Amino acid sequence: MTAVAMAGALAVSACGRDQPPQVGTATIAVADREALPPVAGTTLEGTSLDLADLRGRVVVLNSWASWCSPCRDEIPDFVALADASDPADVAVVGLNVSDAPSAAEAFADELSMAYPSIVDADGALLRTIPGVPPSALPSTVIIDRQGRVAVSIVGQADPQTLPDLVAQVVAEP
């Protein structure tokens, strides 16, 4: 029911407009999980990051853009999640989509995003993520320790359930 209520509330707030996003949260059973395709690139800070190097940790990959209002609203929740998480267990990573570099850097500085964000200038990486429409912003996937998508969130993440969703994936054997 929560996902249905969230879907209705978020239907008008998702920034991806190429197709109507299927807004809401989907938890994927272990047996049904797809491997995340390769997600790698240069971060806003200019370093290289490959999510495959984070295997063994739960990865929370949040797609955002500086021009996306719901993204601005949810980023403090991801900052809090990153600050509260044990880095040996959880890595929070941003995916900055279709954004001007200077705007993205200013946005990240303004919102104190201390975690890395991979630059996806043309949205090509976002289009490969299972369970997420090709241009859905904001969107988030929680990736299990084996590199498979365990949870997909299309639209703004619910700050009340996000930590619990991450904790459930962390607790998996």
Protein backbone atom coordinates (compact mmCIF):
# COMPACT_ATOMS: atom_id res chain seq x y z
CA MET A 1 0.00 0.00 0.00
CA THR A 2 2.83 2.37 0.79
CA ALA A 3 4.26 1.95 -2.71
CA VAL A 4 0.84 2.67 -4.24
CA ALA A 5 0.38 5.80 -2.15
CA MET A 6 3.90 6.91 -2.93
CA ALA A 7 3.32 6.26 -6.62
CA GLY A 8 0.31 8.52 -6.72
CA ALA A 9 2.02 11.27 -4.81
CA LEU A 10 5.15 11.11 -6.93
CA ALA A 11 3.58 10.73 -10.36
CA VAL A 12 3.73 14.44 -10.96
CA SER A 13 7.16 14.96 -9.41
CA ALA A 14 9.49 12.68 -11.38
CA CYS A 15 11.74 14.65 -13.69
CA GLY A 16 12.16 12.02 -16.41
CA ARG A 17 9.62 12.96 -19.07
CA ASP A 18 10.49 10.81 -22.11
CA GLN A 19 7.99 8.21 -20.98
CA PRO A 20 5.58 8.10 -18.06
CA PRO A 21 7.64 6.71 -15.18
CA GLN A 22 6.28 3.80 -13.20
CA VAL A 23 6.81 5.55 -9.90
CA GLY A 24 7.24 3.58 -6.71
CA THR A 25 9.40 1.11 -4.86
CA ALA A 26 9.98 -2.48 -5.95
CA THR A 27 11.77 -5.01 -3.77
CA ILE A 28 13.13 -7.88 -5.83
CA ALA A 29 13.30 -11.42 -4.45
CA VAL A 30 16.82 -12.84 -4.33
CA ALA A 31 16.03 -15.48 -6.97
CA ASP A 32 14.71 -12.81 -9.38
CA ARG A 33 17.52 -10.26 -9.12
CA GLU A 34 19.38 -9.06 -12.20
CA ALA A 35 23.04 -8.17 -12.16
CA LEU A 36 23.67 -4.46 -12.47
CA PRO A 37 25.31 -3.79 -15.84
CA PRO A 38 28.71 -2.10 -15.67
CA VAL A 39 28.45 1.34 -14.09
CA ALA A 40 31.73 3.19 -14.15
CA GLY A 41 33.03 6.61 -15.01
CA THR A 42 34.59 9.80 -13.84
CA THR A 43 33.22 11.41 -10.68
CA LEU A 44 32.45 15.08 -10.19
CA GLU A 45 35.80 15.25 -8.38
CA GLY A 46 37.61 13.91 -11.46
CA THR A 47 38.49 10.44 -10.12
CA SER A 48 37.51 7.13 -11.70
CA LEU A 49 34.89 4.95 -10.01
CA ASP A 50 33.68 1.51 -11.03
CA LEU A 51 30.81 0.05 -8.99
CA ALA A 52 32.28 -3.42 -9.57
CA ASP A 53 35.10 -2.36 -7.23
CA LEU A 54 32.48 -1.98 -4.46
CA ARG A 55 31.32 -5.61 -4.70
CA GLY A 56 30.95 -7.08 -1.22
CA ARG A 57 29.21 -3.95 0.02
CA VAL A 58 25.62 -2.86 -0.44
CA VAL A 59 25.60 0.03 -2.90
CA VAL A 60 22.91 2.70 -2.95
CA LEU A 61 23.01 4.31 -6.40
CA ASN A 62 20.96 7.50 -6.59
CA SER A 63 20.43 9.19 -9.97
CA TRP A 64 20.07 12.96 -9.81
CA ALA A 65 20.47 16.25 -11.65
CA SER A 66 20.83 19.80 -10.34
CA TRP A 67 17.79 20.95 -12.33
CA CYS A 68 15.52 18.26 -10.82
CA SER A 69 13.40 19.59 -7.95
CA PRO A 70 12.57 16.22 -6.35
CA CYS A 71 16.28 15.37 -6.53
CA ARG A 72 17.07 18.49 -4.49
CA ASP A 73 14.43 17.47 -1.96
CA GLU A 74 15.77 13.93 -1.46
CA ILE A 75 19.55 14.49 -1.49
CA PRO A 76 19.68 15.42 2.24
CA ASP A 77 18.25 11.94 2.97
CA PHE A 78 21.09 10.32 0.99
CA VAL A 79 23.65 12.54 2.73
CA ALA A 80 22.22 11.41 6.10
CA LEU A 81 22.24 7.77 4.96
CA ALA A 82 25.88 8.02 3.86
CA ASP A 83 26.84 9.70 7.14
CA ALA A 84 25.02 7.07 9.25
CA SER A 85 26.23 4.00 7.34
CA ASP A 86 29.27 1.89 8.05
CA PRO A 87 31.43 2.34 4.92
CA ALA A 88 32.53 -1.30 5.21
CA ASP A 89 28.88 -2.33 4.66
CA VAL A 90 27.26 0.43 2.58
CA ALA A 91 28.46 2.74 -0.17
CA VAL A 92 26.26 5.61 -1.31
CA VAL A 93 27.05 6.73 -4.85
CA GLY A 94 25.39 9.38 -6.97
CA LEU A 95 24.82 9.22 -10.71
CA ASN A 96 24.68 12.77 -12.07
CA VAL A 97 22.59 12.65 -15.24
CA SER A 98 22.43 15.13 -18.15
CA ASP A 99 23.77 18.04 -16.16
CA ALA A 100 26.14 20.93 -16.76
CA PRO A 101 29.38 20.21 -14.84
CA SER A 102 29.45 23.57 -13.06
CA ALA A 103 25.80 23.26 -12.01
CA ALA A 104 26.33 19.70 -10.75
CA GLU A 105 29.42 20.68 -8.75
CA ALA A 106 27.64 23.68 -7.20
CA PHE A 107 24.62 21.51 -6.34
CA ALA A 108 26.81 18.85 -4.69
CA ASP A 109 28.71 21.50 -2.70
CA GLU A 110 25.54 23.29 -1.62
CA LEU A 111 23.92 20.07 -0.37
CA SER A 112 27.14 18.74 1.25
CA MET A 113 27.28 15.58 -0.84
CA ALA A 114 30.47 14.03 0.51
CA TYR A 115 29.89 10.76 -1.34
CA PRO A 116 31.04 10.36 -4.96
CA SER A 117 28.84 10.96 -8.00
CA ILE A 118 29.65 9.45 -11.37
CA VAL A 119 29.02 11.85 -14.26
CA ASP A 120 26.52 10.42 -16.79
CA ALA A 121 26.49 13.38 -19.16
CA ASP A 122 24.18 11.85 -21.76
CA GLY A 123 22.15 9.52 -19.51
CA ALA A 124 23.64 6.39 -21.13
CA LEU A 125 24.39 4.70 -17.80
CA LEU A 126 20.94 5.47 -16.39
CA ARG A 127 19.34 3.83 -19.43
CA THR A 128 21.03 0.51 -18.59
CA ILE A 129 19.80 0.16 -15.01
CA PRO A 130 17.25 -2.67 -14.62
CA GLY A 131 13.87 -1.65 -13.21
CA VAL A 132 14.34 2.05 -13.95
CA PRO A 133 12.77 3.83 -16.94
CA PRO A 134 15.44 5.31 -19.23
CA SER A 135 15.18 8.91 -18.05
CA ALA A 136 13.60 8.61 -14.60
CA LEU A 137 14.93 11.23 -12.22
CA PRO A 138 15.21 10.88 -9.40
CA SER A 139 15.66 7.14 -9.19
CA THR A 140 17.58 4.86 -6.86
CA VAL A 141 18.67 1.26 -6.86
CA ILE A 142 19.96 -0.67 -3.89
CA ILE A 143 22.50 -3.21 -5.08
CA ASP A 144 23.21 -6.31 -3.00
CA ARG A 145 26.69 -7.54 -2.09
CA GLN A 146 26.78 -9.72 -5.23
CA GLY A 147 26.14 -6.76 -7.55
CA ARG A 148 22.45 -7.46 -8.22
CA VAL A 149 19.57 -4.98 -8.04
CA ALA A 150 17.68 -5.75 -4.81
CA VAL A 151 15.44 -2.66 -4.70
CA SER A 152 14.48 -0.07 -7.30
CA ILE A 153 12.90 3.24 -6.45
CA VAL A 154 11.53 5.37 -9.27
CA GLY A 155 10.73 8.87 -8.09
CA GLN A 156 11.68 10.49 -4.83
CA ALA A 157 12.82 8.03 -2.15
CA ASP A 158 10.75 7.95 1.02
CA PRO A 159 13.04 9.10 3.85
CA GLN A 160 11.06 6.96 6.31
CA THR A 161 11.60 3.68 4.45
CA LEU A 162 14.97 4.22 2.73
CA PRO A 163 17.13 3.31 5.76
CA ASP A 164 15.02 0.19 6.42
CA LEU A 165 15.30 -0.95 2.79
CA VAL A 166 19.08 -0.57 2.94
CA ALA A 167 19.23 -2.36 6.33
CA GLN A 168 17.24 -5.30 4.93
CA VAL A 169 19.71 -5.76 2.08
CA VAL A 170 22.68 -5.34 4.45
CA ALA A 171 21.21 -8.07 6.71
CA GLU A 172 21.03 -10.61 3.88
CA PRO A 173 23.48 -13.52 4.14
